[in-house]
Amino acid sequence: MTGDIIIRQVSPEAIETESFRIIDSEVPEPRPFQGVQWEIVRRMIHTTADFEMLDIVRFGGDAVEAGLKALEQGCTIVTDTEMARRGIPVRRMDPLGCEVQCLMNDGRVTDLARSHGTTRAFAAVDVAVGAIAPAIWVIGNAPTALMRLVEHITEGRAAPMLVVGMPVGFVNASESKELLMQLDTPFISIKGRKGGSPLAACVINALADVILRR
């Protein structure tokens, strides 16, 4: 005979607070990340319920400082999916004066992808580099987008303040992140196949929360 399961109704804020408390308790000091880096990794664990993040998250080139500075300046952020764009809520971005865009459904992107025979994700990077020059890129789905962005950076056509590169999957996902990690550009990424739009978006939310509570 099984016991009754009792579920308490709690607010979203209380759920988040308790989730962070549990994560902190299960990853005692000394932790592999400290300060704002830990806040980012903790939110990534919260988003995925995956403690492997402790082993696979990578920060490069003063990524935290660069990301905070970009957000404080009211930057433009470009995402590779609508899911990632919606995962960065306006309630966090509006107080900072930041704008989040996704060009996947932009007519310019559709036309360019069709005429050049590329994916829309690939074409969206080209359009964003030329028309927006975003300070922060959030790529959580398309390896082709990250590889194209790396190419633009390497050839001097793009100079973002931060790249959050976490495409997920089995074809070129891991490889695209390895290319990103070879750059001098500040980045937050993860090793291997894991990733996704919610994971990439939550990194920006963690950085924004640091600023908003100041």
N, C-alpha and C. Protein backbone atom coordinates (compact mmCIF):
# COMPACT_ATOMS: atom_id res chain seq x y z
N MET A 1 0.85 -1.19 0.00
CA MET A 1 0.00 0.00 0.00
C MET A 1 0.88 1.24 0.00
N THR A 2 0.61 2.14 -0.91
CA THR A 2 1.41 3.35 -1.00
C THR A 2 0.77 4.46 -0.20
N GLY A 3 1.62 5.36 0.31
CA GLY A 3 1.11 6.49 1.07
C GLY A 3 0.57 7.57 0.15
N ASP A 4 -0.23 8.43 0.72
CA ASP A 4 -0.77 9.55 -0.04
C ASP A 4 0.33 10.56 -0.34
N ILE A 5 0.28 11.10 -1.53
CA ILE A 5 1.22 12.15 -1.93
C ILE A 5 0.52 13.49 -1.74
N ILE A 6 1.14 14.35 -0.95
CA ILE A 6 0.56 15.66 -0.67
C ILE A 6 1.36 16.71 -1.41
N ILE A 7 0.70 17.48 -2.25
CA ILE A 7 1.35 18.53 -3.03
C ILE A 7 0.87 19.88 -2.51
N ARG A 8 1.78 20.70 -2.05
CA ARG A 8 1.44 22.03 -1.56
C ARG A 8 1.43 23.02 -2.72
N GLN A 9 0.48 23.91 -2.72
CA GLN A 9 0.45 24.98 -3.70
C GLN A 9 1.37 26.11 -3.23
N VAL A 10 2.37 26.42 -4.07
CA VAL A 10 3.31 27.49 -3.72
C VAL A 10 3.47 28.41 -4.93
N SER A 11 3.93 29.61 -4.67
CA SER A 11 4.09 30.59 -5.74
C SER A 11 5.28 30.25 -6.60
N PRO A 12 5.31 30.75 -7.85
CA PRO A 12 6.47 30.52 -8.72
C PRO A 12 7.77 31.01 -8.08
N GLU A 13 7.70 32.15 -7.39
CA GLU A 13 8.90 32.69 -6.76
C GLU A 13 9.41 31.75 -5.67
N ALA A 14 8.49 31.19 -4.90
CA ALA A 14 8.88 30.27 -3.84
C ALA A 14 9.47 28.99 -4.41
N ILE A 15 8.91 28.53 -5.54
CA ILE A 15 9.45 27.33 -6.18
C ILE A 15 10.88 27.56 -6.61
N GLU A 16 11.13 28.71 -7.23
CA GLU A 16 12.48 29.02 -7.70
C GLU A 16 13.45 29.12 -6.53
N THR A 17 13.03 29.82 -5.48
CA THR A 17 13.89 29.97 -4.30
C THR A 17 14.23 28.62 -3.69
N GLU A 18 13.24 27.76 -3.56
CA GLU A 18 13.48 26.45 -2.98
C GLU A 18 14.34 25.58 -3.90
N SER A 19 14.14 25.72 -5.21
CA SER A 19 14.97 24.97 -6.15
C SER A 19 16.43 25.36 -6.02
N PHE A 20 16.69 26.66 -5.93
CA PHE A 20 18.07 27.11 -5.77
C PHE A 20 18.65 26.63 -4.44
N ARG A 21 17.84 26.62 -3.40
CA ARG A 21 18.32 26.14 -2.10
C ARG A 21 18.72 24.67 -2.20
N ILE A 22 17.91 23.87 -2.89
CA ILE A 22 18.21 22.45 -3.04
C ILE A 22 19.50 22.27 -3.83
N ILE A 23 19.65 23.02 -4.91
CA ILE A 23 20.86 22.91 -5.72
C ILE A 23 22.08 23.28 -4.89
N ASP A 24 21.98 24.39 -4.14
CA ASP A 24 23.10 24.79 -3.29
C ASP A 24 23.45 23.70 -2.30
N SER A 25 22.44 23.05 -1.74
CA SER A 25 22.69 22.01 -0.73
C SER A 25 23.32 20.77 -1.34
N GLU A 26 23.02 20.50 -2.60
CA GLU A 26 23.56 19.30 -3.25
C GLU A 26 24.92 19.56 -3.90
N VAL A 27 25.30 20.83 -3.97
CA VAL A 27 26.64 21.18 -4.48
C VAL A 27 27.33 22.03 -3.41
N PRO A 28 27.81 21.40 -2.37
CA PRO A 28 28.40 22.17 -1.26
C PRO A 28 29.75 22.78 -1.64
N GLU A 29 30.15 23.73 -0.83
CA GLU A 29 31.47 24.34 -1.01
C GLU A 29 32.56 23.30 -0.69
N PRO A 30 33.71 23.40 -1.36
CA PRO A 30 34.04 24.36 -2.41
C PRO A 30 33.45 23.94 -3.75
N ARG A 31 32.82 24.88 -4.43
CA ARG A 31 32.20 24.60 -5.72
C ARG A 31 33.18 24.88 -6.85
N PRO A 32 32.96 24.23 -8.00
CA PRO A 32 33.86 24.49 -9.13
C PRO A 32 33.68 25.87 -9.75
N PHE A 33 32.59 26.56 -9.40
CA PHE A 33 32.35 27.92 -9.88
C PHE A 33 32.01 28.80 -8.68
N GLN A 34 32.38 30.06 -8.78
CA GLN A 34 32.13 31.00 -7.69
C GLN A 34 31.46 32.25 -8.24
N GLY A 35 30.86 33.03 -7.33
CA GLY A 35 30.31 34.33 -7.70
C GLY A 35 29.24 34.25 -8.76
N VAL A 36 29.30 35.15 -9.71
CA VAL A 36 28.30 35.20 -10.76
C VAL A 36 28.36 33.95 -11.64
N GLN A 37 29.56 33.41 -11.83
CA GLN A 37 29.65 32.17 -12.60
C GLN A 37 28.78 31.08 -11.96
N TRP A 38 28.82 30.98 -10.64
CA TRP A 38 27.99 29.97 -9.97
C TRP A 38 26.52 30.29 -10.16
N GLU A 39 26.12 31.55 -10.09
CA GLU A 39 24.72 31.90 -10.31
C GLU A 39 24.25 31.47 -11.69
N ILE A 40 25.12 31.62 -12.68
CA ILE A 40 24.77 31.20 -14.03
C ILE A 40 24.64 29.68 -14.11
N VAL A 41 25.65 28.98 -13.61
CA VAL A 41 25.63 27.51 -13.67
C VAL A 41 24.47 26.96 -12.85
N ARG A 42 24.20 27.57 -11.70
CA ARG A 42 23.08 27.11 -10.88
C ARG A 42 21.76 27.27 -11.62
N ARG A 43 21.59 28.37 -12.35
CA ARG A 43 20.36 28.54 -13.12
C ARG A 43 20.30 27.53 -14.27
N MET A 44 21.44 27.19 -14.84
CA MET A 44 21.46 26.17 -15.88
C MET A 44 21.06 24.81 -15.32
N ILE A 45 21.52 24.51 -14.12
CA ILE A 45 21.10 23.27 -13.46
C ILE A 45 19.60 23.32 -13.16
N HIS A 46 19.14 24.46 -12.70
CA HIS A 46 17.72 24.64 -12.40
C HIS A 46 16.87 24.43 -13.66
N THR A 47 17.36 24.91 -14.79
CA THR A 47 16.61 24.80 -16.05
C THR A 47 16.55 23.38 -16.57
N THR A 48 17.60 22.61 -16.32
CA THR A 48 17.72 21.28 -16.92
C THR A 48 17.58 20.12 -15.92
N ALA A 49 17.71 20.42 -14.62
CA ALA A 49 17.81 19.38 -13.59
C ALA A 49 18.97 18.44 -13.87
N ASP A 50 20.03 18.99 -14.43
CA ASP A 50 21.18 18.20 -14.87
C ASP A 50 22.44 18.71 -14.18
N PHE A 51 22.92 17.94 -13.22
CA PHE A 51 24.11 18.35 -12.48
C PHE A 51 25.40 18.13 -13.28
N GLU A 52 25.30 17.53 -14.46
CA GLU A 52 26.49 17.41 -15.30
C GLU A 52 26.96 18.78 -15.76
N MET A 53 26.09 19.79 -15.66
CA MET A 53 26.51 21.15 -16.02
C MET A 53 27.77 21.56 -15.26
N LEU A 54 27.94 21.02 -14.07
CA LEU A 54 29.13 21.33 -13.27
C LEU A 54 30.42 20.96 -13.99
N ASP A 55 30.35 19.96 -14.85
CA ASP A 55 31.54 19.46 -15.54
C ASP A 55 31.69 19.99 -16.96
N ILE A 56 30.60 20.45 -17.57
CA ILE A 56 30.68 20.76 -19.00
C ILE A 56 30.53 22.24 -19.35
N VAL A 57 30.16 23.09 -18.39
CA VAL A 57 30.04 24.51 -18.69
C VAL A 57 31.44 25.12 -18.83
N ARG A 58 31.58 26.00 -19.80
CA ARG A 58 32.85 26.68 -20.04
C ARG A 58 32.62 28.19 -20.16
N PHE A 59 33.49 28.97 -19.50
CA PHE A 59 33.50 30.43 -19.62
C PHE A 59 34.82 30.84 -20.28
N GLY A 60 34.75 31.79 -21.19
CA GLY A 60 35.97 32.24 -21.84
C GLY A 60 36.01 33.74 -22.00
N GLY A 61 37.22 34.30 -21.83
CA GLY A 61 37.44 35.70 -22.15
C GLY A 61 36.65 36.70 -21.33
N ASP A 62 36.67 36.60 -20.01
CA ASP A 62 35.94 37.55 -19.15
C ASP A 62 34.47 37.63 -19.55
N ALA A 63 33.87 36.48 -19.77
CA ALA A 63 32.50 36.42 -20.27
C ALA A 63 31.50 37.10 -19.34
N VAL A 64 31.63 36.87 -18.05
CA VAL A 64 30.68 37.45 -17.10
C VAL A 64 30.75 38.97 -17.14
N GLU A 65 31.95 39.52 -17.04
CA GLU A 65 32.11 40.97 -17.05
C GLU A 65 31.61 41.57 -18.36
N ALA A 66 31.92 40.92 -19.47
CA ALA A 66 31.48 41.42 -20.77
C ALA A 66 29.97 41.39 -20.91
N GLY A 67 29.36 40.29 -20.43
CA GLY A 67 27.90 40.18 -20.52
C GLY A 67 27.20 41.20 -19.66
N LEU A 68 27.69 41.40 -18.44
CA LEU A 68 27.08 42.39 -17.55
C LEU A 68 27.21 43.79 -18.14
N LYS A 69 28.36 44.09 -18.69
CA LYS A 69 28.57 45.42 -19.28
C LYS A 69 27.64 45.65 -20.46
N ALA A 70 27.48 44.64 -21.30
CA ALA A 70 26.59 44.78 -22.46
C ALA A 70 25.16 45.03 -22.02
N LEU A 71 24.69 44.28 -21.04
CA LEU A 71 23.33 44.45 -20.55
C LEU A 71 23.14 45.80 -19.87
N GLU A 72 24.12 46.24 -19.13
CA GLU A 72 24.04 47.54 -18.47
C GLU A 72 23.96 48.68 -19.48
N GLN A 73 24.52 48.46 -20.68
CA GLN A 73 24.50 49.48 -21.71
C GLN A 73 23.22 49.46 -22.55
N GLY A 74 22.30 48.57 -22.21
CA GLY A 74 21.06 48.49 -22.98
C GLY A 74 21.26 47.93 -24.36
N CYS A 75 21.87 46.77 -24.43
CA CYS A 75 22.31 46.21 -25.71
C CYS A 75 21.17 45.51 -26.47
N THR A 76 21.48 45.17 -27.71
CA THR A 76 20.61 44.33 -28.52
C THR A 76 21.12 42.89 -28.45
N ILE A 77 20.19 41.97 -28.24
CA ILE A 77 20.50 40.54 -28.18
C ILE A 77 19.79 39.87 -29.35
N VAL A 78 20.50 39.00 -30.05
CA VAL A 78 19.89 38.23 -31.13
C VAL A 78 19.92 36.75 -30.76
N THR A 79 18.80 36.08 -30.92
CA THR A 79 18.69 34.65 -30.65
C THR A 79 18.49 33.89 -31.95
N ASP A 80 18.78 32.60 -31.92
CA ASP A 80 18.60 31.80 -33.13
C ASP A 80 17.24 31.13 -33.19
N THR A 81 16.43 31.27 -32.15
CA THR A 81 15.08 30.70 -32.17
C THR A 81 14.11 31.63 -31.45
N GLU A 82 12.83 31.50 -31.83
CA GLU A 82 11.79 32.23 -31.12
C GLU A 82 11.67 31.72 -29.68
N MET A 83 11.94 30.44 -29.47
CA MET A 83 11.87 29.88 -28.12
C MET A 83 12.87 30.59 -27.21
N ALA A 84 14.09 30.79 -27.70
CA ALA A 84 15.09 31.49 -26.89
C ALA A 84 14.68 32.94 -26.66
N ARG A 85 14.15 33.58 -27.69
CA ARG A 85 13.72 34.97 -27.54
C ARG A 85 12.65 35.08 -26.46
N ARG A 86 11.68 34.19 -26.50
CA ARG A 86 10.60 34.23 -25.52
C ARG A 86 11.07 33.80 -24.14
N GLY A 87 12.17 33.07 -24.09
CA GLY A 87 12.71 32.64 -22.81
C GLY A 87 13.45 33.74 -22.06
N ILE A 88 13.64 34.89 -22.73
CA ILE A 88 14.28 36.04 -22.09
C ILE A 88 13.19 37.10 -21.94
N PRO A 89 12.49 37.15 -20.83
CA PRO A 89 11.27 37.95 -20.73
C PRO A 89 11.53 39.45 -20.70
N VAL A 90 10.54 40.19 -21.21
CA VAL A 90 10.65 41.65 -21.25
C VAL A 90 10.70 42.23 -19.84
N ARG A 91 10.14 41.52 -18.86
CA ARG A 91 10.18 42.05 -17.49
C ARG A 91 11.62 42.15 -16.99
N ARG A 92 12.52 41.38 -17.57
CA ARG A 92 13.93 41.51 -17.23
C ARG A 92 14.63 42.49 -18.16
N MET A 93 14.27 42.50 -19.43
CA MET A 93 14.99 43.30 -20.41
C MET A 93 14.58 44.77 -20.42
N ASP A 94 13.30 45.05 -20.25
CA ASP A 94 12.83 46.44 -20.31
C ASP A 94 13.51 47.35 -19.29
N PRO A 95 13.64 46.93 -18.03
CA PRO A 95 14.32 47.82 -17.07
C PRO A 95 15.78 48.11 -17.44
N LEU A 96 16.37 47.24 -18.24
CA LEU A 96 17.76 47.43 -18.66
C LEU A 96 17.86 48.19 -19.98
N GLY A 97 16.73 48.38 -20.65
CA GLY A 97 16.76 49.03 -21.96
C GLY A 97 17.28 48.13 -23.06
N CYS A 98 17.21 46.81 -22.83
CA CYS A 98 17.71 45.85 -23.81
C CYS A 98 16.59 45.35 -24.70
N GLU A 99 16.95 44.97 -25.92
CA GLU A 99 16.00 44.43 -26.89
C GLU A 99 16.47 43.05 -27.34
N VAL A 100 15.53 42.13 -27.43
CA VAL A 100 15.85 40.77 -27.88
C VAL A 100 15.15 40.53 -29.21
N GLN A 101 15.91 40.13 -30.21
CA GLN A 101 15.36 39.88 -31.53
C GLN A 101 15.69 38.48 -32.01
N CYS A 102 14.78 37.92 -32.80
CA CYS A 102 15.02 36.68 -33.54
C CYS A 102 14.60 36.94 -34.97
N LEU A 103 15.48 36.66 -35.91
CA LEU A 103 15.22 36.98 -37.31
C LEU A 103 14.80 35.78 -38.15
N MET A 104 14.51 34.68 -37.50
CA MET A 104 14.21 33.46 -38.26
C MET A 104 13.02 33.60 -39.20
N ASN A 105 12.06 34.46 -38.85
CA ASN A 105 10.88 34.64 -39.70
C ASN A 105 10.93 35.95 -40.49
N ASP A 106 12.08 36.59 -40.49
CA ASP A 106 12.26 37.83 -41.24
C ASP A 106 12.30 37.53 -42.73
N GLY A 107 11.62 38.35 -43.51
CA GLY A 107 11.58 38.13 -44.96
C GLY A 107 12.94 38.17 -45.60
N ARG A 108 13.82 39.01 -45.10
CA ARG A 108 15.18 39.07 -45.65
C ARG A 108 15.91 37.75 -45.47
N VAL A 109 15.67 37.12 -44.34
CA VAL A 109 16.32 35.84 -44.05
C VAL A 109 15.78 34.75 -44.96
N THR A 110 14.47 34.72 -45.12
CA THR A 110 13.85 33.71 -45.99
C THR A 110 14.36 33.85 -47.42
N ASP A 111 14.42 35.07 -47.91
CA ASP A 111 14.88 35.30 -49.28
C ASP A 111 16.34 34.91 -49.44
N LEU A 112 17.17 35.29 -48.46
CA LEU A 112 18.60 34.98 -48.55
C LEU A 112 18.85 33.48 -48.48
N ALA A 113 18.14 32.79 -47.61
CA ALA A 113 18.31 31.34 -47.49
C ALA A 113 17.91 30.64 -48.78
N ARG A 114 16.81 31.11 -49.39
CA ARG A 114 16.34 30.50 -50.62
C ARG A 114 17.32 30.76 -51.77
N SER A 115 17.78 31.98 -51.88
CA SER A 115 18.65 32.33 -53.01
C SER A 115 20.03 31.70 -52.91
N HIS A 116 20.52 31.48 -51.69
CA HIS A 116 21.86 30.93 -51.50
C HIS A 116 21.84 29.44 -51.16
N GLY A 117 20.66 28.87 -50.98
CA GLY A 117 20.57 27.46 -50.67
C GLY A 117 21.12 27.09 -49.31
N THR A 118 20.91 27.97 -48.32
CA THR A 118 21.39 27.71 -46.97
C THR A 118 20.20 27.53 -46.03
N THR A 119 20.48 27.19 -44.79
CA THR A 119 19.44 27.14 -43.77
C THR A 119 19.06 28.57 -43.38
N ARG A 120 17.86 28.72 -42.85
CA ARG A 120 17.45 30.05 -42.36
C ARG A 120 18.32 30.49 -41.19
N ALA A 121 18.74 29.55 -40.36
CA ALA A 121 19.59 29.90 -39.23
C ALA A 121 20.90 30.50 -39.71
N PHE A 122 21.47 29.93 -40.75
CA PHE A 122 22.71 30.43 -41.36
C PHE A 122 22.48 31.82 -41.92
N ALA A 123 21.39 31.98 -42.67
CA ALA A 123 21.09 33.27 -43.31
C ALA A 123 20.77 34.33 -42.27
N ALA A 124 20.12 33.94 -41.18
CA ALA A 124 19.76 34.91 -40.14
C ALA A 124 21.00 35.53 -39.52
N VAL A 125 22.06 34.76 -39.39
CA VAL A 125 23.31 35.32 -38.87
C VAL A 125 23.85 36.38 -39.82
N ASP A 126 23.82 36.09 -41.11
CA ASP A 126 24.31 37.06 -42.09
C ASP A 126 23.52 38.36 -42.02
N VAL A 127 22.21 38.26 -41.93
CA VAL A 127 21.37 39.45 -41.87
C VAL A 127 21.64 40.23 -40.59
N ALA A 128 21.71 39.53 -39.47
CA ALA A 128 21.93 40.19 -38.18
C ALA A 128 23.29 40.88 -38.12
N VAL A 129 24.31 40.22 -38.65
CA VAL A 129 25.65 40.82 -38.65
C VAL A 129 25.64 42.12 -39.46
N GLY A 130 24.95 42.12 -40.58
CA GLY A 130 24.96 43.29 -41.44
C GLY A 130 24.02 44.40 -41.00
N ALA A 131 22.88 44.03 -40.40
CA ALA A 131 21.85 45.03 -40.13
C ALA A 131 21.77 45.45 -38.66
N ILE A 132 22.22 44.59 -37.74
CA ILE A 132 22.01 44.85 -36.32
C ILE A 132 23.32 44.95 -35.55
N ALA A 133 24.27 44.12 -35.87
CA ALA A 133 25.53 44.02 -35.12
C ALA A 133 25.26 43.88 -33.63
N PRO A 134 24.55 42.82 -33.24
CA PRO A 134 24.16 42.66 -31.83
C PRO A 134 25.36 42.54 -30.91
N ALA A 135 25.19 43.05 -29.68
CA ALA A 135 26.27 42.93 -28.70
C ALA A 135 26.34 41.53 -28.12
N ILE A 136 25.17 40.86 -28.01
CA ILE A 136 25.12 39.51 -27.45
C ILE A 136 24.39 38.59 -28.42
N TRP A 137 24.96 37.43 -28.65
CA TRP A 137 24.31 36.38 -29.43
C TRP A 137 23.93 35.25 -28.50
N VAL A 138 22.73 34.72 -28.68
CA VAL A 138 22.25 33.58 -27.89
C VAL A 138 21.85 32.48 -28.88
N ILE A 139 22.69 31.47 -28.98
CA ILE A 139 22.47 30.39 -29.95
C ILE A 139 22.34 29.08 -29.18
N GLY A 140 21.12 28.53 -29.18
CA GLY A 140 20.87 27.33 -28.42
C GLY A 140 20.36 26.16 -29.23
N ASN A 141 20.20 26.38 -30.53
CA ASN A 141 19.58 25.32 -31.32
C ASN A 141 20.38 24.92 -32.56
N ALA A 142 20.86 25.90 -33.32
CA ALA A 142 21.37 25.62 -34.66
C ALA A 142 22.90 25.67 -34.72
N PRO A 143 23.57 24.52 -34.87
CA PRO A 143 25.01 24.55 -35.07
C PRO A 143 25.43 25.37 -36.28
N THR A 144 24.60 25.36 -37.34
CA THR A 144 24.96 26.14 -38.53
C THR A 144 25.04 27.63 -38.20
N ALA A 145 24.17 28.10 -37.31
CA ALA A 145 24.21 29.51 -36.91
C ALA A 145 25.50 29.82 -36.16
N LEU A 146 25.87 28.95 -35.24
CA LEU A 146 27.08 29.20 -34.46
C LEU A 146 28.32 29.12 -35.35
N MET A 147 28.37 28.16 -36.25
CA MET A 147 29.52 28.05 -37.13
C MET A 147 29.64 29.27 -38.03
N ARG A 148 28.51 29.77 -38.53
CA ARG A 148 28.54 30.96 -39.37
C ARG A 148 28.98 32.18 -38.56
N LEU A 149 28.51 32.30 -37.33
CA LEU A 149 28.92 33.42 -36.49
C LEU A 149 30.42 33.35 -36.22
N VAL A 150 30.94 32.17 -35.91
CA VAL A 150 32.38 32.01 -35.70
C VAL A 150 33.15 32.48 -36.93
N GLU A 151 32.64 32.14 -38.10
CA GLU A 151 33.29 32.56 -39.35
C GLU A 151 33.31 34.09 -39.46
N HIS A 152 32.20 34.73 -39.17
CA HIS A 152 32.14 36.19 -39.23
C HIS A 152 33.12 36.82 -38.23
N ILE A 153 33.19 36.26 -37.03
CA ILE A 153 34.10 36.80 -36.02
C ILE A 153 35.54 36.62 -36.46
N THR A 154 35.87 35.44 -36.94
CA THR A 154 37.23 35.13 -37.35
C THR A 154 37.69 36.05 -38.48
N GLU A 155 36.77 36.38 -39.38
CA GLU A 155 37.13 37.21 -40.54
C GLU A 155 36.91 38.70 -40.29
N GLY A 156 36.60 39.07 -39.03
CA GLY A 156 36.54 40.47 -38.66
C GLY A 156 35.26 41.19 -39.02
N ARG A 157 34.22 40.47 -39.37
CA ARG A 157 32.95 41.11 -39.73
C ARG A 157 32.01 41.27 -38.55
N ALA A 158 32.32 40.61 -37.45
CA ALA A 158 31.49 40.71 -36.24
C ALA A 158 32.39 40.74 -35.02
N ALA A 159 31.99 41.53 -34.03
CA ALA A 159 32.77 41.63 -32.79
C ALA A 159 31.82 41.73 -31.60
N PRO A 160 31.06 40.68 -31.33
CA PRO A 160 30.11 40.72 -30.20
C PRO A 160 30.83 40.82 -28.87
N MET A 161 30.12 41.39 -27.89
CA MET A 161 30.67 41.46 -26.54
C MET A 161 30.58 40.11 -25.84
N LEU A 162 29.58 39.30 -26.22
CA LEU A 162 29.41 37.98 -25.61
C LEU A 162 28.67 37.07 -26.56
N VAL A 163 29.10 35.82 -26.62
CA VAL A 163 28.38 34.78 -27.35
C VAL A 163 27.99 33.69 -26.36
N VAL A 164 26.69 33.44 -26.25
CA VAL A 164 26.20 32.29 -25.50
C VAL A 164 25.91 31.22 -26.54
N GLY A 165 26.82 30.26 -26.67
CA GLY A 165 26.73 29.26 -27.72
C GLY A 165 26.49 27.88 -27.16
N MET A 166 25.23 27.38 -27.31
CA MET A 166 24.86 26.09 -26.74
C MET A 166 23.95 25.30 -27.65
N PRO A 167 24.27 25.19 -28.96
CA PRO A 167 23.41 24.39 -29.82
C PRO A 167 23.38 22.93 -29.36
N VAL A 168 22.23 22.31 -29.56
CA VAL A 168 22.02 20.97 -29.07
C VAL A 168 21.90 20.01 -30.26
N GLY A 169 22.35 18.78 -30.08
CA GLY A 169 22.12 17.80 -31.13
C GLY A 169 23.31 16.91 -31.40
N PHE A 170 23.21 16.18 -32.51
CA PHE A 170 24.19 15.15 -32.85
C PHE A 170 25.04 15.50 -34.07
N VAL A 171 24.59 16.44 -34.88
CA VAL A 171 25.32 16.80 -36.10
C VAL A 171 25.90 18.19 -35.92
N ASN A 172 27.20 18.26 -35.70
CA ASN A 172 27.97 19.51 -35.61
C ASN A 172 27.67 20.35 -34.37
N ALA A 173 26.86 19.85 -33.45
CA ALA A 173 26.59 20.64 -32.24
C ALA A 173 27.86 20.75 -31.39
N SER A 174 28.46 19.63 -31.08
CA SER A 174 29.69 19.65 -30.28
C SER A 174 30.81 20.37 -31.02
N GLU A 175 30.92 20.11 -32.32
CA GLU A 175 32.00 20.70 -33.10
C GLU A 175 31.88 22.21 -33.18
N SER A 176 30.67 22.71 -33.33
CA SER A 176 30.49 24.16 -33.44
C SER A 176 30.89 24.85 -32.15
N LYS A 177 30.60 24.21 -31.02
CA LYS A 177 30.98 24.79 -29.73
C LYS A 177 32.49 24.75 -29.54
N GLU A 178 33.13 23.71 -30.04
CA GLU A 178 34.59 23.66 -29.96
C GLU A 178 35.21 24.80 -30.75
N LEU A 179 34.64 25.13 -31.90
CA LEU A 179 35.14 26.25 -32.70
C LEU A 179 34.99 27.56 -31.93
N LEU A 180 33.84 27.74 -31.28
CA LEU A 180 33.63 28.95 -30.48
C LEU A 180 34.67 29.06 -29.38
N MET A 181 34.97 27.96 -28.73
CA MET A 181 35.88 27.98 -27.59
C MET A 181 37.33 28.24 -27.97
N GLN A 182 37.61 28.24 -29.27
CA GLN A 182 38.96 28.56 -29.73
C GLN A 182 39.15 30.06 -29.95
N LEU A 183 38.06 30.84 -29.88
CA LEU A 183 38.13 32.28 -30.14
C LEU A 183 38.53 33.05 -28.89
N ASP A 184 38.99 34.28 -29.12
CA ASP A 184 39.26 35.20 -28.02
C ASP A 184 38.00 35.91 -27.56
N THR A 185 36.94 35.84 -28.34
CA THR A 185 35.67 36.48 -28.00
C THR A 185 35.11 35.90 -26.70
N PRO A 186 34.62 36.74 -25.79
CA PRO A 186 34.00 36.21 -24.57
C PRO A 186 32.84 35.27 -24.90
N PHE A 187 32.81 34.12 -24.25
CA PHE A 187 31.76 33.14 -24.54
C PHE A 187 31.36 32.41 -23.26
N ILE A 188 30.13 31.91 -23.28
CA ILE A 188 29.65 30.94 -22.30
C ILE A 188 29.10 29.79 -23.10
N SER A 189 29.63 28.60 -22.88
CA SER A 189 29.26 27.46 -23.71
C SER A 189 29.33 26.19 -22.86
N ILE A 190 29.05 25.06 -23.51
CA ILE A 190 29.14 23.77 -22.83
C ILE A 190 29.77 22.75 -23.77
N LYS A 191 30.50 21.83 -23.21
CA LYS A 191 31.12 20.78 -23.98
C LYS A 191 30.09 19.74 -24.39
N GLY A 192 30.27 19.19 -25.59
CA GLY A 192 29.48 18.04 -25.99
C GLY A 192 28.18 18.38 -26.69
N ARG A 193 27.26 17.42 -26.67
CA ARG A 193 26.02 17.49 -27.45
C ARG A 193 24.90 18.26 -26.77
N LYS A 194 24.98 18.42 -25.47
CA LYS A 194 23.86 19.03 -24.75
C LYS A 194 23.76 20.52 -25.05
N GLY A 195 22.57 21.05 -24.80
CA GLY A 195 22.33 22.47 -25.01
C GLY A 195 20.84 22.72 -25.14
N GLY A 196 20.47 23.71 -25.95
CA GLY A 196 19.07 23.99 -26.19
C GLY A 196 18.72 25.45 -25.95
N SER A 197 17.63 25.87 -26.54
CA SER A 197 17.20 27.26 -26.42
C SER A 197 16.91 27.69 -24.99
N PRO A 198 16.16 26.88 -24.20
CA PRO A 198 15.92 27.29 -22.81
C PRO A 198 17.21 27.44 -22.01
N LEU A 199 18.17 26.56 -22.27
CA LEU A 199 19.43 26.62 -21.54
C LEU A 199 20.20 27.89 -21.90
N ALA A 200 20.26 28.22 -23.19
CA ALA A 200 20.97 29.43 -23.61
C ALA A 200 20.28 30.67 -23.08
N ALA A 201 18.96 30.69 -23.11
CA ALA A 201 18.21 31.86 -22.63
C ALA A 201 18.42 32.08 -21.14
N CYS A 202 18.49 31.01 -20.37
CA CYS A 202 18.59 31.16 -18.92
C CYS A 202 19.89 31.81 -18.51
N VAL A 203 20.92 31.72 -19.34
CA VAL A 203 22.19 32.39 -19.04
C VAL A 203 21.99 33.90 -19.01
N ILE A 204 21.26 34.43 -19.99
CA ILE A 204 20.98 35.86 -20.02
C ILE A 204 20.12 36.26 -18.83
N ASN A 205 19.17 35.44 -18.46
CA ASN A 205 18.33 35.74 -17.31
C ASN A 205 19.15 35.81 -16.03
N ALA A 206 20.11 34.92 -15.89
CA ALA A 206 20.96 34.94 -14.70
C ALA A 206 21.80 36.22 -14.65
N LEU A 207 22.36 36.61 -15.78
CA LEU A 207 23.14 37.85 -15.83
C LEU A 207 22.26 39.06 -15.53
N ALA A 208 21.06 39.08 -16.12
CA ALA A 208 20.15 40.21 -15.90
C ALA A 208 19.76 40.32 -14.43
N ASP A 209 19.52 39.20 -13.77
CA ASP A 209 19.12 39.23 -12.36
C ASP A 209 20.21 39.83 -11.48
N VAL A 210 21.48 39.59 -11.86
CA VAL A 210 22.58 40.17 -11.10
C VAL A 210 22.50 41.70 -11.13
N ILE A 211 22.20 42.25 -12.30
CA ILE A 211 22.13 43.70 -12.44
C ILE A 211 20.87 44.25 -11.76
N LEU A 212 19.76 43.56 -11.94
CA LEU A 212 18.49 44.08 -11.46
C LEU A 212 18.40 44.12 -9.93
N ARG A 213 19.17 43.33 -9.24
CA ARG A 213 19.09 43.37 -7.79
C ARG A 213 20.08 44.35 -7.16
N ARG A 214 20.87 45.02 -8.00
CA ARG A 214 21.85 45.98 -7.47
C ARG A 214 21.12 47.21 -6.93
